[in-house]
């Protein structure tokens, strides 16, 4: 653990005094650890997938199976490619983590939401056991993955669904997540689609908790947070939406990652303008879009410094010749 991480840990302990049970659970946690952050470093992940799917002006209304939309990368997507590229180049994972009260609140009450979700799923007659999980890579793209809040497993231990839990802190965010059924315009849609890809399931149970009157009541509670369950259940009722995997959107997400991954590797290797590198990569796929169907992703990069394999070098030379 670095000096900075130790300092941050001391600050966190001063702000929120965890109970013995919570400290014991923290030692076993699968997310928000150094190991978890290293797995996410420089990769296309969960909540950021929405950024990657941003489009240029005038293309956002087209269907995702339309190549004009697929190849139209917005500025937000370009910035995300740059972010991942620099994390791979420097070996530094830049994460705002749980810096705000709102983020810390979400982490603190997650066990309460999970218990409420377990109860509600039972009332909905949905069978299965909730299980906490860590980072999970896509089956076909090792440099992309998600960190679901939980998964639902059957009696044989097979994953049958993912579970995404959100703790709202304002009515505005609650509106954004619950007023309409979740679709491609929704706040967490691409994160959910990413989960269905990573865990090879058809369904995600999208759990959203209403905001409390005062998040500090839960955030700074000095006892075991589970002691506040009854109060939380009354004040922050949850809703569960069944969000199904969408083949069209899954395909679009995988193809976007394919283009972004190629752009990132080419840019790190050749050092040209990132925008020009993206445009060149897009042009290559525009000439032969079928290549997106037969894409063979590179091996996972090193955690320290990105090392290009001979096979990648050959691919880069071929692209240069095509230019």
C-alpha atoms as a PDB file:
ATOM      1  CA  UNK A   1       0.000   0.000   0.000  1.00  0.00           C
ATOM      2  CA  UNK A   2       1.445   3.389  -1.039  1.00  0.00           C
ATOM      3  CA  UNK A   3       1.821   6.364   1.342  1.00  0.00           C
ATOM      4  CA  UNK A   4      -1.049   8.116  -0.427  1.00  0.00           C
ATOM      5  CA  UNK A   5      -3.338   5.120   0.019  1.00  0.00           C
ATOM      6  CA  UNK A   6      -2.397   4.835   3.716  1.00  0.00           C
ATOM      7  CA  UNK A   7      -3.159   8.520   4.195  1.00  0.00           C
ATOM      8  CA  UNK A   8      -6.514   8.146   2.437  1.00  0.00           C
ATOM      9  CA  UNK A   9      -7.331   5.139   4.622  1.00  0.00           C
ATOM     10  CA  UNK A  10      -6.591   7.145   7.798  1.00  0.00           C
ATOM     11  CA  UNK A  11      -8.862   9.960   6.575  1.00  0.00           C
ATOM     12  CA  UNK A  12     -11.652   7.477   5.808  1.00  0.00           C
ATOM     13  CA  UNK A  13     -11.358   5.893   9.256  1.00  0.00           C
ATOM     14  CA  UNK A  14     -11.704   9.314  10.864  1.00  0.00           C
ATOM     15  CA  UNK A  15     -14.790  10.155   8.823  1.00  0.00           C
ATOM     16  CA  UNK A  16     -16.588   6.823   9.211  1.00  0.00           C
ATOM     17  CA  UNK A  17     -15.937   4.529  12.159  1.00  0.00           C
ATOM     18  CA  UNK A  18     -16.829   1.048  10.998  1.00  0.00           C
ATOM     19  CA  UNK A  19     -18.178  -1.583  13.338  1.00  0.00           C
ATOM     20  CA  UNK A  20     -16.209  -4.792  14.013  1.00  0.00           C
ATOM     21  CA  UNK A  21     -18.516  -6.717  11.693  1.00  0.00           C
ATOM     22  CA  UNK A  22     -18.033  -4.154   8.931  1.00  0.00           C
ATOM     23  CA  UNK A  23     -14.233  -4.203   9.371  1.00  0.00           C
ATOM     24  CA  UNK A  24     -14.297  -7.995   9.174  1.00  0.00           C
ATOM     25  CA  UNK A  25     -16.392  -7.827   5.997  1.00  0.00           C
ATOM     26  CA  UNK A  26     -14.060  -5.170   4.544  1.00  0.00           C
ATOM     27  CA  UNK A  27     -11.119  -7.577   4.723  1.00  0.00           C
ATOM     28  CA  UNK A  28     -13.037 -10.002   2.524  1.00  0.00           C
ATOM     29  CA  UNK A  29     -14.425  -7.456   0.095  1.00  0.00           C
ATOM     30  CA  UNK A  30     -13.958  -8.070  -3.605  1.00  0.00           C
ATOM     31  CA  UNK A  31     -14.246  -4.478  -4.834  1.00  0.00           C
ATOM     32  CA  UNK A  32     -12.633  -1.107  -4.068  1.00  0.00           C
ATOM     33  CA  UNK A  33      -9.351  -2.789  -3.116  1.00  0.00           C
ATOM     34  CA  UNK A  34      -5.895  -2.252  -4.604  1.00  0.00           C
ATOM     35  CA  UNK A  35      -6.125  -5.578  -6.432  1.00  0.00           C
ATOM     36  CA  UNK A  36      -9.524  -4.613  -7.858  1.00  0.00           C
ATOM     37  CA  UNK A  37      -8.218  -1.235  -9.033  1.00  0.00           C
ATOM     38  CA  UNK A  38      -5.279  -2.879 -10.793  1.00  0.00           C
ATOM     39  CA  UNK A  39      -7.672  -5.176 -12.646  1.00  0.00           C
ATOM     40  CA  UNK A  40      -9.669  -2.150 -13.844  1.00  0.00           C
ATOM     41  CA  UNK A  41      -6.674  -0.023 -14.781  1.00  0.00           C
ATOM     42  CA  UNK A  42      -6.720   0.969 -18.439  1.00  0.00           C
ATOM     43  CA  UNK A  43      -9.681  -1.261 -19.228  1.00  0.00           C
ATOM     44  CA  UNK A  44     -13.138  -0.577 -20.648  1.00  0.00           C
ATOM     45  CA  UNK A  45     -15.303  -0.882 -17.545  1.00  0.00           C
ATOM     46  CA  UNK A  46     -18.843  -0.726 -16.173  1.00  0.00           C
ATOM     47  CA  UNK A  47     -20.090   2.772 -15.479  1.00  0.00           C
ATOM     48  CA  UNK A  48     -17.681   4.279 -18.042  1.00  0.00           C
ATOM     49  CA  UNK A  49     -19.137   2.282 -20.928  1.00  0.00           C
ATOM     50  CA  UNK A  50     -21.742   5.015 -21.328  1.00  0.00           C
ATOM     51  CA  UNK A  51     -18.907   7.417 -22.187  1.00  0.00           C
ATOM     52  CA  UNK A  52     -17.575   5.091 -24.860  1.00  0.00           C
ATOM     53  CA  UNK A  53     -20.995   4.956 -26.537  1.00  0.00           C
ATOM     54  CA  UNK A  54     -21.276   8.730 -26.999  1.00  0.00           C
ATOM     55  CA  UNK A  55     -21.894   9.832 -30.597  1.00  0.00           C
ATOM     56  CA  UNK A  56     -21.135  12.823 -32.757  1.00  0.00           C
ATOM     57  CA  UNK A  57     -23.766  15.466 -33.483  1.00  0.00           C
ATOM     58  CA  UNK A  58     -26.692  14.276 -35.576  1.00  0.00           C
ATOM     59  CA  UNK A  59     -25.970  10.545 -35.223  1.00  0.00           C
ATOM     60  CA  UNK A  60     -27.601   9.857 -31.859  1.00  0.00           C
ATOM     61  CA  UNK A  61     -31.048   9.138 -33.278  1.00  0.00           C
ATOM     62  CA  UNK A  62     -29.910   6.351 -35.605  1.00  0.00           C
ATOM     63  CA  UNK A  63     -30.313   2.700 -34.587  1.00  0.00           C
ATOM     64  CA  UNK A  64     -27.252   0.981 -33.148  1.00  0.00           C
ATOM     65  CA  UNK A  65     -27.151  -1.553 -35.972  1.00  0.00           C
ATOM     66  CA  UNK A  66     -26.594   1.383 -38.349  1.00  0.00           C
ATOM     67  CA  UNK A  67     -22.871   1.673 -39.166  1.00  0.00           C
ATOM     68  CA  UNK A  68     -23.101   5.469 -39.372  1.00  0.00           C
ATOM     69  CA  UNK A  69     -23.922   5.569 -35.680  1.00  0.00           C
ATOM     70  CA  UNK A  70     -21.466   2.845 -34.715  1.00  0.00           C
ATOM     71  CA  UNK A  71     -18.577   4.714 -36.351  1.00  0.00           C
ATOM     72  CA  UNK A  72     -19.576   8.129 -34.974  1.00  0.00           C
ATOM     73  CA  UNK A  73     -17.493   8.654 -31.817  1.00  0.00           C
ATOM     74  CA  UNK A  74     -18.324  11.679 -29.677  1.00  0.00           C
ATOM     75  CA  UNK A  75     -15.788  13.793 -27.783  1.00  0.00           C
ATOM     76  CA  UNK A  76     -16.677  12.000 -24.527  1.00  0.00           C
ATOM     77  CA  UNK A  77     -15.695   8.684 -26.118  1.00  0.00           C
ATOM     78  CA  UNK A  78     -12.391  10.139 -27.359  1.00  0.00           C
ATOM     79  CA  UNK A  79     -11.564  11.397 -23.868  1.00  0.00           C
ATOM     80  CA  UNK A  80     -12.297   7.969 -22.430  1.00  0.00           C
ATOM     81  CA  UNK A  81      -9.940   6.319 -24.935  1.00  0.00           C
ATOM     82  CA  UNK A  82      -7.263   8.809 -23.892  1.00  0.00           C
ATOM     83  CA  UNK A  83      -7.905   8.084 -20.215  1.00  0.00           C
ATOM     84  CA  UNK A  84      -7.428   4.335 -20.664  1.00  0.00           C
ATOM     85  CA  UNK A  85      -4.410   4.830 -22.890  1.00  0.00           C
ATOM     86  CA  UNK A  86      -2.651   7.000 -20.299  1.00  0.00           C
ATOM     87  CA  UNK A  87      -3.430   4.558 -17.501  1.00  0.00           C
ATOM     88  CA  UNK A  88      -1.812   1.795 -19.543  1.00  0.00           C
ATOM     89  CA  UNK A  89       1.145   3.976 -20.505  1.00  0.00           C
ATOM     90  CA  UNK A  90       1.900   5.244 -17.010  1.00  0.00           C
ATOM     91  CA  UNK A  91       0.664   2.316 -14.934  1.00  0.00           C
ATOM     92  CA  UNK A  92      -1.317   4.774 -12.792  1.00  0.00           C
ATOM     93  CA  UNK A  93      -4.994   4.193 -12.094  1.00  0.00           C
ATOM     94  CA  UNK A  94      -6.668   7.569 -11.587  1.00  0.00           C
ATOM     95  CA  UNK A  95      -9.874   7.069  -9.641  1.00  0.00           C
ATOM     96  CA  UNK A  96     -12.054   9.623  -7.859  1.00  0.00           C
ATOM     97  CA  UNK A  97     -13.293   6.557  -5.976  1.00  0.00           C
ATOM     98  CA  UNK A  98     -15.538   7.323  -3.047  1.00  0.00           C
ATOM     99  CA  UNK A  99     -14.387  10.867  -2.521  1.00  0.00           C
ATOM    100  CA  UNK A 100     -17.771  12.552  -2.202  1.00  0.00           C
ATOM    101  CA  UNK A 101     -20.287  12.056   0.570  1.00  0.00           C
ATOM    102  CA  UNK A 102     -22.727  10.715  -2.013  1.00  0.00           C
ATOM    103  CA  UNK A 103     -20.304   8.015  -3.137  1.00  0.00           C
ATOM    104  CA  UNK A 104     -19.417   7.092   0.430  1.00  0.00           C
ATOM    105  CA  UNK A 105     -23.083   6.889   1.307  1.00  0.00           C
ATOM    106  CA  UNK A 106     -23.709   4.467  -1.563  1.00  0.00           C
ATOM    107  CA  UNK A 107     -20.912   2.203  -0.359  1.00  0.00           C
ATOM    108  CA  UNK A 108     -22.023   2.342   3.270  1.00  0.00           C
ATOM    109  CA  UNK A 109     -25.670   1.438   2.626  1.00  0.00           C
ATOM    110  CA  UNK A 110     -24.974  -1.220  -0.027  1.00  0.00           C
ATOM    111  CA  UNK A 111     -25.494  -4.051   2.523  1.00  0.00           C
ATOM    112  CA  UNK A 112     -28.885  -2.517   3.410  1.00  0.00           C
ATOM    113  CA  UNK A 113     -29.953  -2.379  -0.238  1.00  0.00           C
ATOM    114  CA  UNK A 114     -28.763  -5.930  -0.797  1.00  0.00           C
ATOM    115  CA  UNK A 115     -30.857  -7.177   2.138  1.00  0.00           C
ATOM    116  CA  UNK A 116     -33.900  -5.247   0.893  1.00  0.00           C
ATOM    117  CA  UNK A 117     -33.341  -6.600  -2.623  1.00  0.00           C
ATOM    118  CA  UNK A 118     -33.131 -10.148  -1.318  1.00  0.00           C
ATOM    119  CA  UNK A 119     -36.479  -9.707   0.424  1.00  0.00           C
ATOM    120  CA  UNK A 120     -38.155  -8.108  -2.588  1.00  0.00           C
ATOM    121  CA  UNK A 121     -36.840 -10.716  -5.042  1.00  0.00           C
ATOM    122  CA  UNK A 122     -38.335 -13.390  -2.819  1.00  0.00           C
ATOM    123  CA  UNK A 123     -41.715 -11.604  -2.893  1.00  0.00           C
ATOM    124  CA  UNK A 124     -41.404 -11.432  -6.689  1.00  0.00           C
ATOM    125  CA  UNK A 125     -40.960 -15.242  -6.572  1.00  0.00           C
ATOM    126  CA  UNK A 126     -37.561 -14.968  -8.213  1.00  0.00           C
ATOM    127  CA  UNK A 127     -35.452 -17.902  -7.112  1.00  0.00           C
ATOM    128  CA  UNK A 128     -31.734 -17.749  -6.526  1.00  0.00           C
ATOM    129  CA  UNK A 129     -29.104 -16.671  -4.028  1.00  0.00           C
ATOM    130  CA  UNK A 130     -27.397 -13.273  -4.056  1.00  0.00           C
ATOM    131  CA  UNK A 131     -23.615 -13.453  -4.186  1.00  0.00           C
ATOM    132  CA  UNK A 132     -21.065 -10.633  -4.078  1.00  0.00           C
ATOM    133  CA  UNK A 133     -18.501 -10.611  -6.874  1.00  0.00           C
ATOM    134  CA  UNK A 134     -15.406  -8.739  -7.994  1.00  0.00           C
ATOM    135  CA  UNK A 135     -14.209  -7.654 -11.422  1.00  0.00           C
ATOM    136  CA  UNK A 136     -15.330  -9.878 -14.310  1.00  0.00           C
ATOM    137  CA  UNK A 137     -13.777  -9.624 -17.789  1.00  0.00           C
ATOM    138  CA  UNK A 138     -15.743 -10.048 -21.014  1.00  0.00           C
ATOM    139  CA  UNK A 139     -15.450 -13.610 -22.377  1.00  0.00           C
ATOM    140  CA  UNK A 140     -14.176 -12.402 -25.773  1.00  0.00           C
ATOM    141  CA  UNK A 141     -12.339  -9.191 -24.813  1.00  0.00           C
ATOM    142  CA  UNK A 142      -9.904  -9.536 -21.882  1.00  0.00           C
ATOM    143  CA  UNK A 143      -9.372  -5.763 -21.652  1.00  0.00           C
ATOM    144  CA  UNK A 144     -13.044  -5.041 -20.957  1.00  0.00           C
ATOM    145  CA  UNK A 145     -15.118  -5.975 -17.926  1.00  0.00           C
ATOM    146  CA  UNK A 146     -17.526  -5.031 -15.151  1.00  0.00           C
ATOM    147  CA  UNK A 147     -17.905  -5.097 -11.383  1.00  0.00           C
ATOM    148  CA  UNK A 148     -21.506  -6.051 -10.684  1.00  0.00           C
ATOM    149  CA  UNK A 149     -22.840  -5.316  -7.222  1.00  0.00           C
ATOM    150  CA  UNK A 150     -24.052  -8.907  -6.979  1.00  0.00           C
ATOM    151  CA  UNK A 151     -25.001 -11.882  -9.087  1.00  0.00           C
ATOM    152  CA  UNK A 152     -27.912 -14.258  -8.664  1.00  0.00           C
ATOM    153  CA  UNK A 153     -26.937 -17.927  -8.661  1.00  0.00           C
ATOM    154  CA  UNK A 154     -29.066 -21.087  -8.762  1.00  0.00           C
ATOM    155  CA  UNK A 155     -28.766 -24.082  -6.429  1.00  0.00           C
ATOM    156  CA  UNK A 156     -25.936 -25.456  -8.569  1.00  0.00           C
ATOM    157  CA  UNK A 157     -23.929 -22.244  -8.324  1.00  0.00           C
ATOM    158  CA  UNK A 158     -24.601 -21.191 -11.915  1.00  0.00           C
ATOM    159  CA  UNK A 159     -25.007 -17.466 -12.543  1.00  0.00           C
ATOM    160  CA  UNK A 160     -28.539 -16.757 -13.766  1.00  0.00           C
ATOM    161  CA  UNK A 161     -28.619 -12.944 -13.529  1.00  0.00           C
ATOM    162  CA  UNK A 162     -26.662  -9.908 -12.418  1.00  0.00           C
ATOM    163  CA  UNK A 163     -27.858  -7.386  -9.843  1.00  0.00           C
ATOM    164  CA  UNK A 164     -27.049  -3.686 -10.072  1.00  0.00           C
ATOM    165  CA  UNK A 165     -27.874  -1.595  -6.990  1.00  0.00           C
ATOM    166  CA  UNK A 166     -28.090   2.196  -6.878  1.00  0.00           C
ATOM    167  CA  UNK A 167     -28.466   4.369  -3.784  1.00  0.00           C
ATOM    168  CA  UNK A 168     -30.003   7.665  -4.876  1.00  0.00           C
ATOM    169  CA  UNK A 169     -29.211  10.809  -2.895  1.00  0.00           C
ATOM    170  CA  UNK A 170     -31.619  13.190  -4.664  1.00  0.00           C
ATOM    171  CA  UNK A 171     -35.058  12.912  -6.231  1.00  0.00           C
ATOM    172  CA  UNK A 172     -33.492  14.020  -9.492  1.00  0.00           C
ATOM    173  CA  UNK A 173     -31.230  10.976  -9.728  1.00  0.00           C
ATOM    174  CA  UNK A 174     -34.132   8.793  -8.624  1.00  0.00           C
ATOM    175  CA  UNK A 175     -36.192  10.239 -11.468  1.00  0.00           C
ATOM    176  CA  UNK A 176     -33.409   9.564 -13.961  1.00  0.00           C
ATOM    177  CA  UNK A 177     -33.265   5.921 -12.895  1.00  0.00           C
ATOM    178  CA  UNK A 178     -36.924   5.053 -12.399  1.00  0.00           C
ATOM    179  CA  UNK A 179     -39.319   7.397 -14.220  1.00  0.00           C
ATOM    180  CA  UNK A 180     -39.114   5.505 -17.517  1.00  0.00           C
ATOM    181  CA  UNK A 181     -38.177   1.925 -18.259  1.00  0.00           C
ATOM    182  CA  UNK A 182     -34.441   1.539 -18.775  1.00  0.00           C
ATOM    183  CA  UNK A 183     -33.308   1.935 -22.390  1.00  0.00           C
ATOM    184  CA  UNK A 184     -30.225   3.139 -24.284  1.00  0.00           C
ATOM    185  CA  UNK A 185     -30.839   6.725 -23.135  1.00  0.00           C
ATOM    186  CA  UNK A 186     -30.915   5.736 -19.465  1.00  0.00           C
ATOM    187  CA  UNK A 187     -28.194   6.556 -16.978  1.00  0.00           C
ATOM    188  CA  UNK A 188     -27.035   2.995 -16.296  1.00  0.00           C
ATOM    189  CA  UNK A 189     -28.097   1.164 -19.474  1.00  0.00           C
ATOM    190  CA  UNK A 190     -24.653   0.455 -20.953  1.00  0.00           C
ATOM    191  CA  UNK A 191     -23.279  -0.624 -17.593  1.00  0.00           C
ATOM    192  CA  UNK A 192     -26.106  -3.151 -17.340  1.00  0.00           C
ATOM    193  CA  UNK A 193     -25.550  -4.412 -20.898  1.00  0.00           C
ATOM    194  CA  UNK A 194     -21.873  -4.829 -20.046  1.00  0.00           C
ATOM    195  CA  UNK A 195     -22.818  -6.975 -17.066  1.00  0.00           C
ATOM    196  CA  UNK A 196     -24.958  -9.294 -19.180  1.00  0.00           C
ATOM    197  CA  UNK A 197     -22.009  -9.744 -21.567  1.00  0.00           C
ATOM    198  CA  UNK A 198     -19.418 -10.391 -18.862  1.00  0.00           C
ATOM    199  CA  UNK A 199     -21.535 -12.883 -16.935  1.00  0.00           C
ATOM    200  CA  UNK A 200     -23.208 -14.414 -20.019  1.00  0.00           C
ATOM    201  CA  UNK A 201     -26.750 -13.887 -18.713  1.00  0.00           C
ATOM    202  CA  UNK A 202     -29.990 -12.609 -20.221  1.00  0.00           C
ATOM    203  CA  UNK A 203     -31.214 -10.519 -17.290  1.00  0.00           C
ATOM    204  CA  UNK A 204     -30.071  -7.880 -14.823  1.00  0.00           C
ATOM    205  CA  UNK A 205     -32.169  -6.969 -11.789  1.00  0.00           C
ATOM    206  CA  UNK A 206     -31.843  -3.202 -11.511  1.00  0.00           C
ATOM    207  CA  UNK A 207     -32.357  -2.164  -7.877  1.00  0.00           C
ATOM    208  CA  UNK A 208     -32.868   1.524  -7.085  1.00  0.00           C
ATOM    209  CA  UNK A 209     -33.294   2.916  -3.559  1.00  0.00           C
ATOM    210  CA  UNK A 210     -35.081   6.190  -2.836  1.00  0.00           C
ATOM    211  CA  UNK A 211     -32.992   9.002  -1.295  1.00  0.00           C
ATOM    212  CA  UNK A 212     -33.019   9.509   2.492  1.00  0.00           C
ATOM    213  CA  UNK A 213     -33.798  12.856   4.048  1.00  0.00           C
ATOM    214  CA  UNK A 214     -30.225  13.100   5.346  1.00  0.00           C
ATOM    215  CA  UNK A 215     -27.451  10.818   4.038  1.00  0.00           C
ATOM    216  CA  UNK A 216     -25.169  11.800   6.960  1.00  0.00           C
ATOM    217  CA  UNK A 217     -27.451   9.885   9.312  1.00  0.00           C
ATOM    218  CA  UNK A 218     -26.332   6.667   7.643  1.00  0.00           C
ATOM    219  CA  UNK A 219     -22.871   7.746   6.566  1.00  0.00           C
ATOM    220  CA  UNK A 220     -21.696   8.704  10.054  1.00  0.00           C
ATOM    221  CA  UNK A 221     -23.564   6.060  12.027  1.00  0.00           C
ATOM    222  CA  UNK A 222     -21.092   4.726  14.603  1.00  0.00           C
ATOM    223  CA  UNK A 223     -22.529   1.239  15.010  1.00  0.00           C
ATOM    224  CA  UNK A 224     -23.043  -1.656  12.624  1.00  0.00           C
ATOM    225  CA  UNK A 225     -24.895  -0.225   9.601  1.00  0.00           C
ATOM    226  CA  UNK A 226     -27.193  -3.270   9.556  1.00  0.00           C
ATOM    227  CA  UNK A 227     -28.699  -1.975  12.797  1.00  0.00           C
ATOM    228  CA  UNK A 228     -30.317   0.743  10.677  1.00  0.00           C
ATOM    229  CA  UNK A 229     -32.036  -1.661   8.320  1.00  0.00           C
ATOM    230  CA  UNK A 230     -35.604  -1.159   9.557  1.00  0.00           C
ATOM    231  CA  UNK A 231     -35.282   2.628   9.388  1.00  0.00           C
ATOM    232  CA  UNK A 232     -33.668   2.438   5.944  1.00  0.00           C
ATOM    233  CA  UNK A 233     -36.364   0.091   4.655  1.00  0.00           C
ATOM    234  CA  UNK A 234     -39.127   2.519   5.713  1.00  0.00           C
ATOM    235  CA  UNK A 235     -37.409   5.651   4.458  1.00  0.00           C
ATOM    236  CA  UNK A 236     -35.671   4.395   1.297  1.00  0.00           C
ATOM    237  CA  UNK A 237     -37.993   1.924  -0.373  1.00  0.00           C
ATOM    238  CA  UNK A 238     -36.512   0.123  -3.337  1.00  0.00           C
ATOM    239  CA  UNK A 239     -37.782  -0.708  -6.810  1.00  0.00           C
ATOM    240  CA  UNK A 240     -36.557  -3.592  -8.957  1.00  0.00           C
ATOM    241  CA  UNK A 241     -36.737  -3.462 -12.731  1.00  0.00           C
ATOM    242  CA  UNK A 242     -36.004  -6.528 -14.821  1.00  0.00           C
ATOM    243  CA  UNK A 243     -33.703  -5.326 -17.601  1.00  0.00           C
ATOM    244  CA  UNK A 244     -33.102  -7.797 -20.399  1.00  0.00           C
ATOM    245  CA  UNK A 245     -29.960  -8.176 -22.470  1.00  0.00           C
ATOM    246  CA  UNK A 246     -30.268  -6.588 -25.908  1.00  0.00           C
ATOM    247  CA  UNK A 247     -28.383  -8.366 -28.683  1.00  0.00           C
ATOM    248  CA  UNK A 248     -28.267  -5.230 -30.839  1.00  0.00           C
ATOM    249  CA  UNK A 249     -26.786  -3.148 -28.038  1.00  0.00           C
ATOM    250  CA  UNK A 250     -24.422  -5.881 -26.877  1.00  0.00           C
ATOM    251  CA  UNK A 251     -23.044  -6.176 -30.413  1.00  0.00           C
ATOM    252  CA  UNK A 252     -22.667  -2.403 -30.715  1.00  0.00           C
ATOM    253  CA  UNK A 253     -20.846  -2.225 -27.373  1.00  0.00           C
ATOM    254  CA  UNK A 254     -18.404  -4.996 -28.316  1.00  0.00           C
ATOM    255  CA  UNK A 255     -17.713  -3.379 -31.697  1.00  0.00           C
ATOM    256  CA  UNK A 256     -17.154   0.028 -30.107  1.00  0.00           C
ATOM    257  CA  UNK A 257     -14.675  -1.521 -27.687  1.00  0.00           C
ATOM    258  CA  UNK A 258     -12.969  -3.245 -30.619  1.00  0.00           C
ATOM    259  CA  UNK A 259     -12.462   0.078 -32.422  1.00  0.00           C
ATOM    260  CA  UNK A 260     -11.386   1.827 -29.210  1.00  0.00           C
ATOM    261  CA  UNK A 261      -8.918  -0.950 -28.330  1.00  0.00           C
ATOM    262  CA  UNK A 262      -7.307  -0.795 -31.774  1.00  0.00           C
ATOM    263  CA  UNK A 263      -7.123   3.002 -31.598  1.00  0.00           C
ATOM    264  CA  UNK A 264      -5.564   2.939 -28.143  1.00  0.00           C
ATOM    265  CA  UNK A 265      -2.870   0.411 -29.092  1.00  0.00           C
ATOM    266  CA  UNK A 266      -2.019   2.161 -32.362  1.00  0.00           C
ATOM    267  CA  UNK A 267      -1.759   5.541 -30.654  1.00  0.00           C
ATOM    268  CA  UNK A 268       0.494   4.240 -27.880  1.00  0.00           C
ATOM    269  CA  UNK A 269       2.674   2.503 -30.438  1.00  0.00           C
ATOM    270  CA  UNK A 270       2.992   5.291 -33.018  1.00  0.00           C
ATOM    271  CA  UNK A 271       2.374   8.462 -31.000  1.00  0.00           C
ATOM    272  CA  UNK A 272       0.359  10.395 -33.571  1.00  0.00           C
ATOM    273  CA  UNK A 273      -2.718  12.525 -32.926  1.00  0.00           C
ATOM    274  CA  UNK A 274      -5.283  10.466 -31.022  1.00  0.00           C
ATOM    275  CA  UNK A 275      -8.156  11.922 -33.059  1.00  0.00           C
ATOM    276  CA  UNK A 276      -6.353  11.114 -36.315  1.00  0.00           C
ATOM    277  CA  UNK A 277      -5.575   7.599 -35.084  1.00  0.00           C
ATOM    278  CA  UNK A 278      -9.247   7.063 -34.249  1.00  0.00           C
ATOM    279  CA  UNK A 279     -10.310   8.392 -37.664  1.00  0.00           C
ATOM    280  CA  UNK A 280      -7.823   6.075 -39.406  1.00  0.00           C
ATOM    281  CA  UNK A 281      -9.025   3.053 -37.424  1.00  0.00           C
ATOM    282  CA  UNK A 282     -12.651   3.866 -38.201  1.00  0.00           C
ATOM    283  CA  UNK A 283     -11.830   4.266 -41.894  1.00  0.00           C
ATOM    284  CA  UNK A 284     -10.239   0.815 -41.984  1.00  0.00           C
ATOM    285  CA  UNK A 285     -13.344  -0.771 -40.498  1.00  0.00           C
ATOM    286  CA  UNK A 286     -15.633   1.279 -42.737  1.00  0.00           C
ATOM    287  CA  UNK A 287     -13.896  -0.272 -45.748  1.00  0.00           C
ATOM    288  CA  UNK A 288     -14.355  -3.761 -44.349  1.00  0.00           C
ATOM    289  CA  UNK A 289     -16.935  -3.826 -41.512  1.00  0.00           C
ATOM    290  CA  UNK A 290     -16.926  -7.649 -41.495  1.00  0.00           C
ATOM    291  CA  UNK A 291     -13.564  -7.447 -39.735  1.00  0.00           C
ATOM    292  CA  UNK A 292     -15.449  -6.332 -36.645  1.00  0.00           C
ATOM    293  CA  UNK A 293     -17.116  -9.747 -36.581  1.00  0.00           C
ATOM    294  CA  UNK A 294     -13.829 -11.666 -36.711  1.00  0.00           C
ATOM    295  CA  UNK A 295     -11.781  -9.430 -34.417  1.00  0.00           C
ATOM    296  CA  UNK A 296      -9.142 -11.185 -32.322  1.00  0.00           C
ATOM    297  CA  UNK A 297      -8.377  -9.000 -29.302  1.00  0.00           C
ATOM    298  CA  UNK A 298      -4.815  -8.595 -27.985  1.00  0.00           C
ATOM    299  CA  UNK A 299      -3.766 -10.344 -24.795  1.00  0.00           C
ATOM    300  CA  UNK A 300      -4.305  -8.465 -21.503  1.00  0.00           C
ATOM    301  CA  UNK A 301      -1.653  -5.801 -21.091  1.00  0.00           C
ATOM    302  CA  UNK A 302       0.947  -5.771 -18.329  1.00  0.00           C
ATOM    303  CA  UNK A 303      -0.081  -4.128 -15.049  1.00  0.00           C
ATOM    304  CA  UNK A 304       3.087  -2.035 -15.058  1.00  0.00           C
ATOM    305  CA  UNK A 305       4.139  -1.085 -18.597  1.00  0.00           C
ATOM    306  CA  UNK A 306       2.350  -1.905 -21.804  1.00  0.00           C
ATOM    307  CA  UNK A 307       4.359  -4.434 -23.828  1.00  0.00           C
ATOM    308  CA  UNK A 308       3.407  -4.920 -27.432  1.00  0.00           C
ATOM    309  CA  UNK A 309       3.440  -8.493 -28.700  1.00  0.00           C
ATOM    310  CA  UNK A 310       4.985  -9.461 -32.042  1.00  0.00           C
ATOM    311  CA  UNK A 311       1.546 -10.281 -33.395  1.00  0.00           C
ATOM    312  CA  UNK A 312       0.347  -6.754 -32.566  1.00  0.00           C
ATOM    313  CA  UNK A 313       3.412  -5.256 -34.230  1.00  0.00           C
ATOM    314  CA  UNK A 314       2.592  -7.190 -37.416  1.00  0.00           C
ATOM    315  CA  UNK A 315      -0.995  -5.950 -37.358  1.00  0.00           C
ATOM    316  CA  UNK A 316       0.205  -2.380 -36.999  1.00  0.00           C
ATOM    317  CA  UNK A 317       2.528  -2.760 -39.989  1.00  0.00           C
ATOM    318  CA  UNK A 318      -0.331  -4.092 -42.084  1.00  0.00           C
ATOM    319  CA  UNK A 319      -2.478  -1.083 -41.131  1.00  0.00           C
ATOM    320  CA  UNK A 320       0.323   1.320 -42.035  1.00  0.00           C
ATOM    321  CA  UNK A 321       0.586  -0.298 -45.473  1.00  0.00           C
ATOM    322  CA  UNK A 322      -3.166   0.008 -45.975  1.00  0.00           C
ATOM    323  CA  UNK A 323      -2.953   3.724 -45.243  1.00  0.00           C
END
